[in-house]
């Protein structure tokens, strides 16, 4: 019987809590996340809507240190985990972040792990110049190799002009970009998350590798279309437990149209549980290995290093 460690795996989408839960803060003090615990993430909350803190499940619990995370990675067969210095704006209050993870401790983890922890910068379209400087600093000084941002919390679509400086900067730095598509688990405006809104970006920046994160649900067909049509567009399945993935997505992922373009990610929902559930999916062995590892290597340029 195969073990988790038999399948080399890259987690393309994770957050600071996975390596330093003490620095991650508690986003559940914000209204957006409190509502989420009563709706889309209610399986992770008790009857009163308070997040469960039991360590029986590793969903949203993370690790105390980089060393602890590396131990879990070794046990479960992860070669790399991408940790994002995530920024999410408060759509309710329009004056503060509901997530604003620092880049420096992620940079320290990149160094401590010899690159197995990978750093992903984030982007604030309301502070363009400042954000671009921070991204360039993180790439040049911390070894970050990716940018991931959350357009829905800003109420902006990914083809808004305020994101175009970011795309140009990523090409200049030779790093890929990713952003959430689909509805938001938090109660945020979702129409700007339609995957087809990436169409113009993919056409106008053909040299930019783009990851459409979080499956695009409920617009799964649009998500599949973008990955199928554009050579530079990939997508990850993070944000959902694999057991709950849409049947259309699983069929696409297991087909010749999709098996080279879909990537695996946990979004902090658990290195062990997410991989176990993924390996139980009724998909081919070649598909499992490509989604877990090969496609992210190509997307991140790891194979060229």
C-alpha atoms as a PDB file:
ATOM      1  CA  UNK A   1       0.000   0.000   0.000  1.00  0.00           C
ATOM      2  CA  UNK A   2       1.372   3.418  -0.991  1.00  0.00           C
ATOM      3  CA  UNK A   3       2.375   5.892   1.705  1.00  0.00           C
ATOM      4  CA  UNK A   4       1.990   9.671   1.556  1.00  0.00           C
ATOM      5  CA  UNK A   5       5.752   9.980   1.316  1.00  0.00           C
ATOM      6  CA  UNK A   6       5.732   7.925  -1.893  1.00  0.00           C
ATOM      7  CA  UNK A   7       4.317  10.950  -3.746  1.00  0.00           C
ATOM      8  CA  UNK A   8       6.580  14.026  -3.946  1.00  0.00           C
ATOM      9  CA  UNK A   9       4.323  17.031  -3.358  1.00  0.00           C
ATOM     10  CA  UNK A  10       4.414  20.803  -3.646  1.00  0.00           C
ATOM     11  CA  UNK A  11       1.834  22.840  -1.737  1.00  0.00           C
ATOM     12  CA  UNK A  12       1.439  25.886  -3.995  1.00  0.00           C
ATOM     13  CA  UNK A  13      -0.868  27.787  -1.611  1.00  0.00           C
ATOM     14  CA  UNK A  14      -0.340  28.232   2.110  1.00  0.00           C
ATOM     15  CA  UNK A  15      -0.054  30.973   4.718  1.00  0.00           C
ATOM     16  CA  UNK A  16       2.104  32.155   7.612  1.00  0.00           C
ATOM     17  CA  UNK A  17       0.227  30.043  10.177  1.00  0.00           C
ATOM     18  CA  UNK A  18       1.698  26.878   8.628  1.00  0.00           C
ATOM     19  CA  UNK A  19       5.211  27.832   9.761  1.00  0.00           C
ATOM     20  CA  UNK A  20       4.620  30.311  12.636  1.00  0.00           C
ATOM     21  CA  UNK A  21       1.183  30.148  14.193  1.00  0.00           C
ATOM     22  CA  UNK A  22       2.311  32.586  16.871  1.00  0.00           C
ATOM     23  CA  UNK A  23       2.771  35.339  14.260  1.00  0.00           C
ATOM     24  CA  UNK A  24      -0.339  34.631  12.219  1.00  0.00           C
ATOM     25  CA  UNK A  25      -2.745  36.547  14.425  1.00  0.00           C
ATOM     26  CA  UNK A  26      -6.434  35.760  14.603  1.00  0.00           C
ATOM     27  CA  UNK A  27      -8.381  36.894  11.516  1.00  0.00           C
ATOM     28  CA  UNK A  28     -11.557  35.594  13.143  1.00  0.00           C
ATOM     29  CA  UNK A  29     -11.830  38.812  15.122  1.00  0.00           C
ATOM     30  CA  UNK A  30     -13.024  40.393  11.861  1.00  0.00           C
ATOM     31  CA  UNK A  31     -16.611  40.317  10.703  1.00  0.00           C
ATOM     32  CA  UNK A  32     -15.768  38.750   7.332  1.00  0.00           C
ATOM     33  CA  UNK A  33     -14.225  35.671   8.953  1.00  0.00           C
ATOM     34  CA  UNK A  34     -16.884  35.433  11.666  1.00  0.00           C
ATOM     35  CA  UNK A  35     -19.588  35.159   9.022  1.00  0.00           C
ATOM     36  CA  UNK A  36     -17.492  32.598   7.145  1.00  0.00           C
ATOM     37  CA  UNK A  37     -17.493  30.336  10.219  1.00  0.00           C
ATOM     38  CA  UNK A  38     -21.294  30.354  10.174  1.00  0.00           C
ATOM     39  CA  UNK A  39     -21.501  29.596   6.464  1.00  0.00           C
ATOM     40  CA  UNK A  40     -18.825  28.202   4.155  1.00  0.00           C
ATOM     41  CA  UNK A  41     -16.459  27.030   6.942  1.00  0.00           C
ATOM     42  CA  UNK A  42     -19.070  25.966   9.476  1.00  0.00           C
ATOM     43  CA  UNK A  43     -17.539  22.464   9.711  1.00  0.00           C
ATOM     44  CA  UNK A  44     -14.564  24.117  11.446  1.00  0.00           C
ATOM     45  CA  UNK A  45     -16.691  25.923  14.064  1.00  0.00           C
ATOM     46  CA  UNK A  46     -18.715  24.894  17.065  1.00  0.00           C
ATOM     47  CA  UNK A  47     -22.453  25.492  17.425  1.00  0.00           C
ATOM     48  CA  UNK A  48     -21.926  29.071  18.579  1.00  0.00           C
ATOM     49  CA  UNK A  49     -19.850  29.900  15.503  1.00  0.00           C
ATOM     50  CA  UNK A  50     -16.482  29.928  17.309  1.00  0.00           C
ATOM     51  CA  UNK A  51     -13.542  28.270  15.554  1.00  0.00           C
ATOM     52  CA  UNK A  52     -12.591  24.930  17.021  1.00  0.00           C
ATOM     53  CA  UNK A  53      -9.019  24.765  18.297  1.00  0.00           C
ATOM     54  CA  UNK A  54      -8.734  20.984  18.622  1.00  0.00           C
ATOM     55  CA  UNK A  55      -5.514  19.569  17.168  1.00  0.00           C
ATOM     56  CA  UNK A  56      -7.292  16.363  16.168  1.00  0.00           C
ATOM     57  CA  UNK A  57      -7.478  17.953  12.728  1.00  0.00           C
ATOM     58  CA  UNK A  58      -4.618  19.994  11.299  1.00  0.00           C
ATOM     59  CA  UNK A  59      -7.012  22.285   9.406  1.00  0.00           C
ATOM     60  CA  UNK A  60      -6.068  25.916  10.057  1.00  0.00           C
ATOM     61  CA  UNK A  61      -3.817  24.966  12.992  1.00  0.00           C
ATOM     62  CA  UNK A  62      -0.371  25.179  11.388  1.00  0.00           C
ATOM     63  CA  UNK A  63       2.924  24.718  13.215  1.00  0.00           C
ATOM     64  CA  UNK A  64       4.906  26.397  15.957  1.00  0.00           C
ATOM     65  CA  UNK A  65       8.076  26.724  13.913  1.00  0.00           C
ATOM     66  CA  UNK A  66       9.729  26.134  10.574  1.00  0.00           C
ATOM     67  CA  UNK A  67      11.443  23.072  12.033  1.00  0.00           C
ATOM     68  CA  UNK A  68       8.074  21.591  13.056  1.00  0.00           C
ATOM     69  CA  UNK A  69       6.666  22.269   9.603  1.00  0.00           C
ATOM     70  CA  UNK A  70       9.670  20.641   7.937  1.00  0.00           C
ATOM     71  CA  UNK A  71       9.158  17.550  10.089  1.00  0.00           C
ATOM     72  CA  UNK A  72       5.557  17.295   8.886  1.00  0.00           C
ATOM     73  CA  UNK A  73       6.676  17.862   5.306  1.00  0.00           C
ATOM     74  CA  UNK A  74       9.150  14.983   5.599  1.00  0.00           C
ATOM     75  CA  UNK A  75       6.526  12.702   7.128  1.00  0.00           C
ATOM     76  CA  UNK A  76       3.895  13.450   4.500  1.00  0.00           C
ATOM     77  CA  UNK A  77       6.143  13.697   1.452  1.00  0.00           C
ATOM     78  CA  UNK A  78       6.236  17.435   0.744  1.00  0.00           C
ATOM     79  CA  UNK A  79       9.306  18.705  -1.063  1.00  0.00           C
ATOM     80  CA  UNK A  80       8.161  22.355  -0.934  1.00  0.00           C
ATOM     81  CA  UNK A  81       5.452  24.504   0.628  1.00  0.00           C
ATOM     82  CA  UNK A  82       4.737  28.006  -0.693  1.00  0.00           C
ATOM     83  CA  UNK A  83       3.893  30.408   2.134  1.00  0.00           C
ATOM     84  CA  UNK A  84       2.293  33.720   1.234  1.00  0.00           C
ATOM     85  CA  UNK A  85       2.699  37.028   3.022  1.00  0.00           C
ATOM     86  CA  UNK A  86      -1.036  37.364   2.498  1.00  0.00           C
ATOM     87  CA  UNK A  87      -2.834  40.684   2.307  1.00  0.00           C
ATOM     88  CA  UNK A  88      -6.629  40.945   2.436  1.00  0.00           C
ATOM     89  CA  UNK A  89      -8.442  44.243   2.620  1.00  0.00           C
ATOM     90  CA  UNK A  90     -11.563  44.751   4.714  1.00  0.00           C
ATOM     91  CA  UNK A  91     -14.391  45.258   2.276  1.00  0.00           C
ATOM     92  CA  UNK A  92     -16.734  46.079   5.167  1.00  0.00           C
ATOM     93  CA  UNK A  93     -14.639  48.799   6.762  1.00  0.00           C
ATOM     94  CA  UNK A  94     -12.419  50.047   3.903  1.00  0.00           C
ATOM     95  CA  UNK A  95      -9.758  51.215   6.309  1.00  0.00           C
ATOM     96  CA  UNK A  96      -7.688  48.217   7.384  1.00  0.00           C
ATOM     97  CA  UNK A  97      -6.416  44.793   6.448  1.00  0.00           C
ATOM     98  CA  UNK A  98      -8.088  41.668   7.775  1.00  0.00           C
ATOM     99  CA  UNK A  99      -4.872  39.837   6.892  1.00  0.00           C
ATOM    100  CA  UNK A 100      -1.473  41.478   6.530  1.00  0.00           C
ATOM    101  CA  UNK A 101       1.222  38.864   7.033  1.00  0.00           C
ATOM    102  CA  UNK A 102       4.824  40.054   7.365  1.00  0.00           C
ATOM    103  CA  UNK A 103       7.360  38.951   4.767  1.00  0.00           C
ATOM    104  CA  UNK A 104      10.418  38.844   7.016  1.00  0.00           C
ATOM    105  CA  UNK A 105       9.630  35.657   9.014  1.00  0.00           C
ATOM    106  CA  UNK A 106       8.760  33.890   5.765  1.00  0.00           C
ATOM    107  CA  UNK A 107      12.120  34.984   4.407  1.00  0.00           C
ATOM    108  CA  UNK A 108      13.772  33.555   7.512  1.00  0.00           C
ATOM    109  CA  UNK A 109      11.938  30.264   6.903  1.00  0.00           C
ATOM    110  CA  UNK A 110      13.090  30.208   3.269  1.00  0.00           C
ATOM    111  CA  UNK A 111      16.688  30.468   4.490  1.00  0.00           C
ATOM    112  CA  UNK A 112      16.301  28.018   7.382  1.00  0.00           C
ATOM    113  CA  UNK A 113      14.680  25.415   5.129  1.00  0.00           C
ATOM    114  CA  UNK A 114      17.206  25.846   2.294  1.00  0.00           C
ATOM    115  CA  UNK A 115      14.363  26.831  -0.007  1.00  0.00           C
ATOM    116  CA  UNK A 116      11.886  24.077   0.844  1.00  0.00           C
ATOM    117  CA  UNK A 117       9.681  26.759   2.344  1.00  0.00           C
ATOM    118  CA  UNK A 118       9.100  29.119  -0.560  1.00  0.00           C
ATOM    119  CA  UNK A 119       8.032  32.721  -0.142  1.00  0.00           C
ATOM    120  CA  UNK A 120       5.165  34.374  -1.984  1.00  0.00           C
ATOM    121  CA  UNK A 121       4.702  38.126  -1.767  1.00  0.00           C
ATOM    122  CA  UNK A 122       1.304  39.796  -1.930  1.00  0.00           C
ATOM    123  CA  UNK A 123      -0.013  43.027  -3.448  1.00  0.00           C
ATOM    124  CA  UNK A 124      -2.126  46.000  -2.437  1.00  0.00           C
ATOM    125  CA  UNK A 125      -3.624  47.763  -5.488  1.00  0.00           C
ATOM    126  CA  UNK A 126      -4.402  50.829  -3.365  1.00  0.00           C
ATOM    127  CA  UNK A 127      -0.671  51.311  -2.651  1.00  0.00           C
ATOM    128  CA  UNK A 128       0.899  50.405  -5.977  1.00  0.00           C
ATOM    129  CA  UNK A 129       4.367  51.922  -5.685  1.00  0.00           C
ATOM    130  CA  UNK A 130       4.857  50.763  -2.112  1.00  0.00           C
ATOM    131  CA  UNK A 131       3.706  47.245  -2.982  1.00  0.00           C
ATOM    132  CA  UNK A 132       5.987  46.933  -5.993  1.00  0.00           C
ATOM    133  CA  UNK A 133       8.990  48.014  -3.929  1.00  0.00           C
ATOM    134  CA  UNK A 134       8.114  45.474  -1.234  1.00  0.00           C
ATOM    135  CA  UNK A 135       7.767  42.681  -3.805  1.00  0.00           C
ATOM    136  CA  UNK A 136      11.105  43.478  -5.400  1.00  0.00           C
ATOM    137  CA  UNK A 137      12.758  43.595  -1.960  1.00  0.00           C
ATOM    138  CA  UNK A 138      11.269  40.209  -0.998  1.00  0.00           C
ATOM    139  CA  UNK A 139      12.482  38.601  -4.215  1.00  0.00           C
ATOM    140  CA  UNK A 140      15.982  40.064  -4.053  1.00  0.00           C
ATOM    141  CA  UNK A 141      16.587  39.778  -0.295  1.00  0.00           C
ATOM    142  CA  UNK A 142      14.412  36.884   0.896  1.00  0.00           C
ATOM    143  CA  UNK A 143      14.426  34.689  -2.204  1.00  0.00           C
ATOM    144  CA  UNK A 144      10.669  34.869  -2.786  1.00  0.00           C
ATOM    145  CA  UNK A 145       9.641  33.266  -6.095  1.00  0.00           C
ATOM    146  CA  UNK A 146       5.925  34.052  -6.474  1.00  0.00           C
ATOM    147  CA  UNK A 147       3.236  36.690  -5.891  1.00  0.00           C
ATOM    148  CA  UNK A 148      -0.293  35.797  -4.791  1.00  0.00           C
ATOM    149  CA  UNK A 149      -3.037  38.365  -4.202  1.00  0.00           C
ATOM    150  CA  UNK A 150      -6.726  38.481  -3.273  1.00  0.00           C
ATOM    151  CA  UNK A 151      -8.662  40.740  -5.681  1.00  0.00           C
ATOM    152  CA  UNK A 152     -12.062  40.024  -4.124  1.00  0.00           C
ATOM    153  CA  UNK A 153     -11.331  41.736  -0.810  1.00  0.00           C
ATOM    154  CA  UNK A 154     -10.512  44.916  -2.737  1.00  0.00           C
ATOM    155  CA  UNK A 155     -13.667  44.580  -4.840  1.00  0.00           C
ATOM    156  CA  UNK A 156     -11.572  44.655  -8.033  1.00  0.00           C
ATOM    157  CA  UNK A 157     -11.388  42.231 -10.948  1.00  0.00           C
ATOM    158  CA  UNK A 158      -7.959  40.861 -11.951  1.00  0.00           C
ATOM    159  CA  UNK A 159      -8.067  42.795 -15.232  1.00  0.00           C
ATOM    160  CA  UNK A 160      -8.437  46.116 -13.405  1.00  0.00           C
ATOM    161  CA  UNK A 161      -5.765  48.614 -14.451  1.00  0.00           C
ATOM    162  CA  UNK A 162      -4.463  48.771 -10.864  1.00  0.00           C
ATOM    163  CA  UNK A 163      -3.126  45.214 -11.155  1.00  0.00           C
ATOM    164  CA  UNK A 164      -1.288  45.742 -14.445  1.00  0.00           C
ATOM    165  CA  UNK A 165       1.852  47.248 -12.830  1.00  0.00           C
ATOM    166  CA  UNK A 166       2.111  44.053 -10.781  1.00  0.00           C
ATOM    167  CA  UNK A 167       1.968  41.848 -13.866  1.00  0.00           C
ATOM    168  CA  UNK A 168       4.698  43.871 -15.558  1.00  0.00           C
ATOM    169  CA  UNK A 169       6.849  43.680 -12.404  1.00  0.00           C
ATOM    170  CA  UNK A 170       6.455  39.882 -12.222  1.00  0.00           C
ATOM    171  CA  UNK A 171       7.653  39.538 -15.806  1.00  0.00           C
ATOM    172  CA  UNK A 172      10.596  41.800 -15.009  1.00  0.00           C
ATOM    173  CA  UNK A 173      11.487  39.642 -11.983  1.00  0.00           C
ATOM    174  CA  UNK A 174      10.763  36.390 -13.850  1.00  0.00           C
ATOM    175  CA  UNK A 175       8.324  35.122 -11.245  1.00  0.00           C
ATOM    176  CA  UNK A 176       4.740  33.879 -11.669  1.00  0.00           C
ATOM    177  CA  UNK A 177       1.594  35.430 -10.227  1.00  0.00           C
ATOM    178  CA  UNK A 178      -1.518  33.896  -8.706  1.00  0.00           C
ATOM    179  CA  UNK A 179      -4.840  35.203  -7.476  1.00  0.00           C
ATOM    180  CA  UNK A 180      -8.107  33.905  -6.114  1.00  0.00           C
ATOM    181  CA  UNK A 181     -10.920  33.161  -8.526  1.00  0.00           C
ATOM    182  CA  UNK A 182     -14.396  31.881  -7.743  1.00  0.00           C
ATOM    183  CA  UNK A 183     -16.573  33.039  -4.896  1.00  0.00           C
ATOM    184  CA  UNK A 184     -15.012  34.049  -1.626  1.00  0.00           C
ATOM    185  CA  UNK A 185     -15.427  31.884   1.459  1.00  0.00           C
ATOM    186  CA  UNK A 186     -15.646  35.163   3.361  1.00  0.00           C
ATOM    187  CA  UNK A 187     -18.679  37.294   2.570  1.00  0.00           C
ATOM    188  CA  UNK A 188     -17.063  39.502  -0.070  1.00  0.00           C
ATOM    189  CA  UNK A 189     -18.213  40.566  -3.549  1.00  0.00           C
ATOM    190  CA  UNK A 190     -17.680  37.535  -5.755  1.00  0.00           C
ATOM    191  CA  UNK A 191     -18.499  38.676  -9.274  1.00  0.00           C
ATOM    192  CA  UNK A 192     -14.939  40.002  -9.670  1.00  0.00           C
ATOM    193  CA  UNK A 193     -13.787  36.435  -9.046  1.00  0.00           C
ATOM    194  CA  UNK A 194     -15.157  35.012 -12.287  1.00  0.00           C
ATOM    195  CA  UNK A 195     -12.286  33.055 -13.876  1.00  0.00           C
ATOM    196  CA  UNK A 196     -13.061  34.414 -17.359  1.00  0.00           C
ATOM    197  CA  UNK A 197     -11.913  37.835 -16.130  1.00  0.00           C
ATOM    198  CA  UNK A 198      -8.377  36.452 -16.396  1.00  0.00           C
ATOM    199  CA  UNK A 199      -8.809  36.197 -20.163  1.00  0.00           C
ATOM    200  CA  UNK A 200      -7.515  39.687 -20.955  1.00  0.00           C
ATOM    201  CA  UNK A 201      -4.615  39.302 -18.531  1.00  0.00           C
ATOM    202  CA  UNK A 202      -3.496  36.044 -20.144  1.00  0.00           C
ATOM    203  CA  UNK A 203      -3.774  37.533 -23.637  1.00  0.00           C
ATOM    204  CA  UNK A 204      -2.035  40.821 -22.858  1.00  0.00           C
ATOM    205  CA  UNK A 205       0.754  39.209 -20.781  1.00  0.00           C
ATOM    206  CA  UNK A 206       1.540  35.996 -22.698  1.00  0.00           C
ATOM    207  CA  UNK A 207       4.933  35.632 -20.977  1.00  0.00           C
ATOM    208  CA  UNK A 208       3.416  35.783 -17.485  1.00  0.00           C
ATOM    209  CA  UNK A 209       2.713  32.469 -15.739  1.00  0.00           C
ATOM    210  CA  UNK A 210      -0.678  32.835 -14.030  1.00  0.00           C
ATOM    211  CA  UNK A 211      -2.286  30.656 -11.375  1.00  0.00           C
ATOM    212  CA  UNK A 212      -6.067  30.827 -10.945  1.00  0.00           C
ATOM    213  CA  UNK A 213      -6.294  29.800  -7.312  1.00  0.00           C
ATOM    214  CA  UNK A 214      -9.136  28.114  -5.377  1.00  0.00           C
ATOM    215  CA  UNK A 215     -10.818  26.204  -8.280  1.00  0.00           C
ATOM    216  CA  UNK A 216     -13.028  29.008  -9.606  1.00  0.00           C
ATOM    217  CA  UNK A 217     -16.140  27.470  -8.033  1.00  0.00           C
ATOM    218  CA  UNK A 218     -19.015  27.960  -8.793  1.00  0.00           C
ATOM    219  CA  UNK A 219     -17.729  28.948 -12.247  1.00  0.00           C
ATOM    220  CA  UNK A 220     -15.778  25.720 -12.668  1.00  0.00           C
ATOM    221  CA  UNK A 221     -16.381  25.533 -16.418  1.00  0.00           C
ATOM    222  CA  UNK A 222     -14.847  28.994 -16.857  1.00  0.00           C
ATOM    223  CA  UNK A 223     -11.849  27.912 -14.780  1.00  0.00           C
ATOM    224  CA  UNK A 224     -11.336  24.830 -16.938  1.00  0.00           C
ATOM    225  CA  UNK A 225     -11.660  26.948 -20.069  1.00  0.00           C
ATOM    226  CA  UNK A 226      -8.952  29.365 -18.987  1.00  0.00           C
ATOM    227  CA  UNK A 227      -6.500  26.550 -18.176  1.00  0.00           C
ATOM    228  CA  UNK A 228      -7.286  24.715 -21.405  1.00  0.00           C
ATOM    229  CA  UNK A 229      -7.115  27.744 -23.720  1.00  0.00           C
ATOM    230  CA  UNK A 230      -4.084  29.636 -22.445  1.00  0.00           C
ATOM    231  CA  UNK A 231      -0.589  28.081 -22.406  1.00  0.00           C
ATOM    232  CA  UNK A 232       0.445  30.433 -19.579  1.00  0.00           C
ATOM    233  CA  UNK A 233      -2.542  29.783 -17.266  1.00  0.00           C
ATOM    234  CA  UNK A 234      -2.569  27.168 -14.507  1.00  0.00           C
ATOM    235  CA  UNK A 235      -4.967  26.609 -11.619  1.00  0.00           C
ATOM    236  CA  UNK A 236      -4.789  25.190  -8.104  1.00  0.00           C
ATOM    237  CA  UNK A 237      -7.322  23.223  -6.084  1.00  0.00           C
ATOM    238  CA  UNK A 238      -6.577  24.853  -2.724  1.00  0.00           C
ATOM    239  CA  UNK A 239      -9.313  26.317  -0.560  1.00  0.00           C
ATOM    240  CA  UNK A 240     -11.395  23.133  -0.555  1.00  0.00           C
ATOM    241  CA  UNK A 241     -10.896  19.705   0.921  1.00  0.00           C
ATOM    242  CA  UNK A 242     -10.269  17.391  -2.066  1.00  0.00           C
ATOM    243  CA  UNK A 243     -13.187  15.174  -1.052  1.00  0.00           C
ATOM    244  CA  UNK A 244     -15.489  18.109  -1.828  1.00  0.00           C
ATOM    245  CA  UNK A 245     -14.120  19.047  -5.249  1.00  0.00           C
ATOM    246  CA  UNK A 246     -16.636  19.535  -8.037  1.00  0.00           C
ATOM    247  CA  UNK A 247     -17.069  16.491 -10.305  1.00  0.00           C
ATOM    248  CA  UNK A 248     -16.500  18.673 -13.377  1.00  0.00           C
ATOM    249  CA  UNK A 249     -13.126  19.749 -12.038  1.00  0.00           C
ATOM    250  CA  UNK A 250     -12.071  16.184 -11.232  1.00  0.00           C
ATOM    251  CA  UNK A 251     -13.017  15.041 -14.732  1.00  0.00           C
ATOM    252  CA  UNK A 252     -11.075  17.920 -16.300  1.00  0.00           C
ATOM    253  CA  UNK A 253      -8.068  17.356 -14.045  1.00  0.00           C
ATOM    254  CA  UNK A 254      -7.944  13.697 -15.067  1.00  0.00           C
ATOM    255  CA  UNK A 255      -8.200  14.444 -18.798  1.00  0.00           C
ATOM    256  CA  UNK A 256      -5.566  15.291 -21.390  1.00  0.00           C
ATOM    257  CA  UNK A 257      -6.877  18.865 -21.327  1.00  0.00           C
ATOM    258  CA  UNK A 258      -6.210  19.437 -17.658  1.00  0.00           C
ATOM    259  CA  UNK A 259      -3.727  17.043 -16.092  1.00  0.00           C
ATOM    260  CA  UNK A 260      -0.739  19.211 -17.069  1.00  0.00           C
ATOM    261  CA  UNK A 261      -2.267  22.478 -15.793  1.00  0.00           C
ATOM    262  CA  UNK A 262      -3.772  21.766 -12.351  1.00  0.00           C
ATOM    263  CA  UNK A 263      -1.704  22.162  -9.160  1.00  0.00           C
ATOM    264  CA  UNK A 264      -2.174  20.977  -5.592  1.00  0.00           C
ATOM    265  CA  UNK A 265      -2.503  23.304  -2.601  1.00  0.00           C
ATOM    266  CA  UNK A 266      -3.874  23.151   0.917  1.00  0.00           C
ATOM    267  CA  UNK A 267      -4.555  26.806   1.824  1.00  0.00           C
ATOM    268  CA  UNK A 268      -3.732  25.808   5.397  1.00  0.00           C
ATOM    269  CA  UNK A 269      -6.454  23.157   5.569  1.00  0.00           C
ATOM    270  CA  UNK A 270      -3.971  20.487   6.567  1.00  0.00           C
ATOM    271  CA  UNK A 271      -0.906  18.963   4.926  1.00  0.00           C
ATOM    272  CA  UNK A 272      -1.921  15.438   5.923  1.00  0.00           C
ATOM    273  CA  UNK A 273      -5.685  15.546   5.417  1.00  0.00           C
ATOM    274  CA  UNK A 274      -5.626  17.339   2.081  1.00  0.00           C
ATOM    275  CA  UNK A 275      -3.067  14.956   0.602  1.00  0.00           C
ATOM    276  CA  UNK A 276      -4.834  11.861   1.938  1.00  0.00           C
ATOM    277  CA  UNK A 277      -8.128  12.989   0.442  1.00  0.00           C
ATOM    278  CA  UNK A 278      -6.504  13.873  -2.876  1.00  0.00           C
ATOM    279  CA  UNK A 279      -4.885  10.453  -3.198  1.00  0.00           C
ATOM    280  CA  UNK A 280      -8.279   8.815  -2.619  1.00  0.00           C
ATOM    281  CA  UNK A 281      -9.765  10.546  -5.675  1.00  0.00           C
ATOM    282  CA  UNK A 282     -10.718   8.308  -8.602  1.00  0.00           C
ATOM    283  CA  UNK A 283      -8.040   9.633 -10.952  1.00  0.00           C
ATOM    284  CA  UNK A 284      -5.056   8.122 -12.744  1.00  0.00           C
ATOM    285  CA  UNK A 285      -1.652   7.584 -11.212  1.00  0.00           C
ATOM    286  CA  UNK A 286      -0.042   9.904 -13.767  1.00  0.00           C
ATOM    287  CA  UNK A 287      -2.572  12.623 -12.945  1.00  0.00           C
ATOM    288  CA  UNK A 288      -1.842  12.347  -9.219  1.00  0.00           C
ATOM    289  CA  UNK A 289       1.882  12.771  -9.707  1.00  0.00           C
ATOM    290  CA  UNK A 290       1.541  15.660 -12.142  1.00  0.00           C
ATOM    291  CA  UNK A 291      -0.917  17.575  -9.965  1.00  0.00           C
ATOM    292  CA  UNK A 292       0.980  16.937  -6.747  1.00  0.00           C
ATOM    293  CA  UNK A 293       4.406  17.842  -8.084  1.00  0.00           C
ATOM    294  CA  UNK A 294       5.292  18.121 -11.782  1.00  0.00           C
ATOM    295  CA  UNK A 295       2.982  20.981 -12.740  1.00  0.00           C
ATOM    296  CA  UNK A 296       4.058  23.228  -9.873  1.00  0.00           C
ATOM    297  CA  UNK A 297       7.705  22.567 -10.733  1.00  0.00           C
ATOM    298  CA  UNK A 298       7.046  23.868 -14.236  1.00  0.00           C
ATOM    299  CA  UNK A 299       4.942  26.793 -13.037  1.00  0.00           C
ATOM    300  CA  UNK A 300       7.494  27.963 -10.460  1.00  0.00           C
ATOM    301  CA  UNK A 301      10.494  27.223 -12.635  1.00  0.00           C
ATOM    302  CA  UNK A 302      11.954  24.813 -10.088  1.00  0.00           C
ATOM    303  CA  UNK A 303      12.955  22.382 -12.816  1.00  0.00           C
ATOM    304  CA  UNK A 304      15.208  25.051 -14.319  1.00  0.00           C
ATOM    305  CA  UNK A 305      17.250  25.556 -11.137  1.00  0.00           C
END
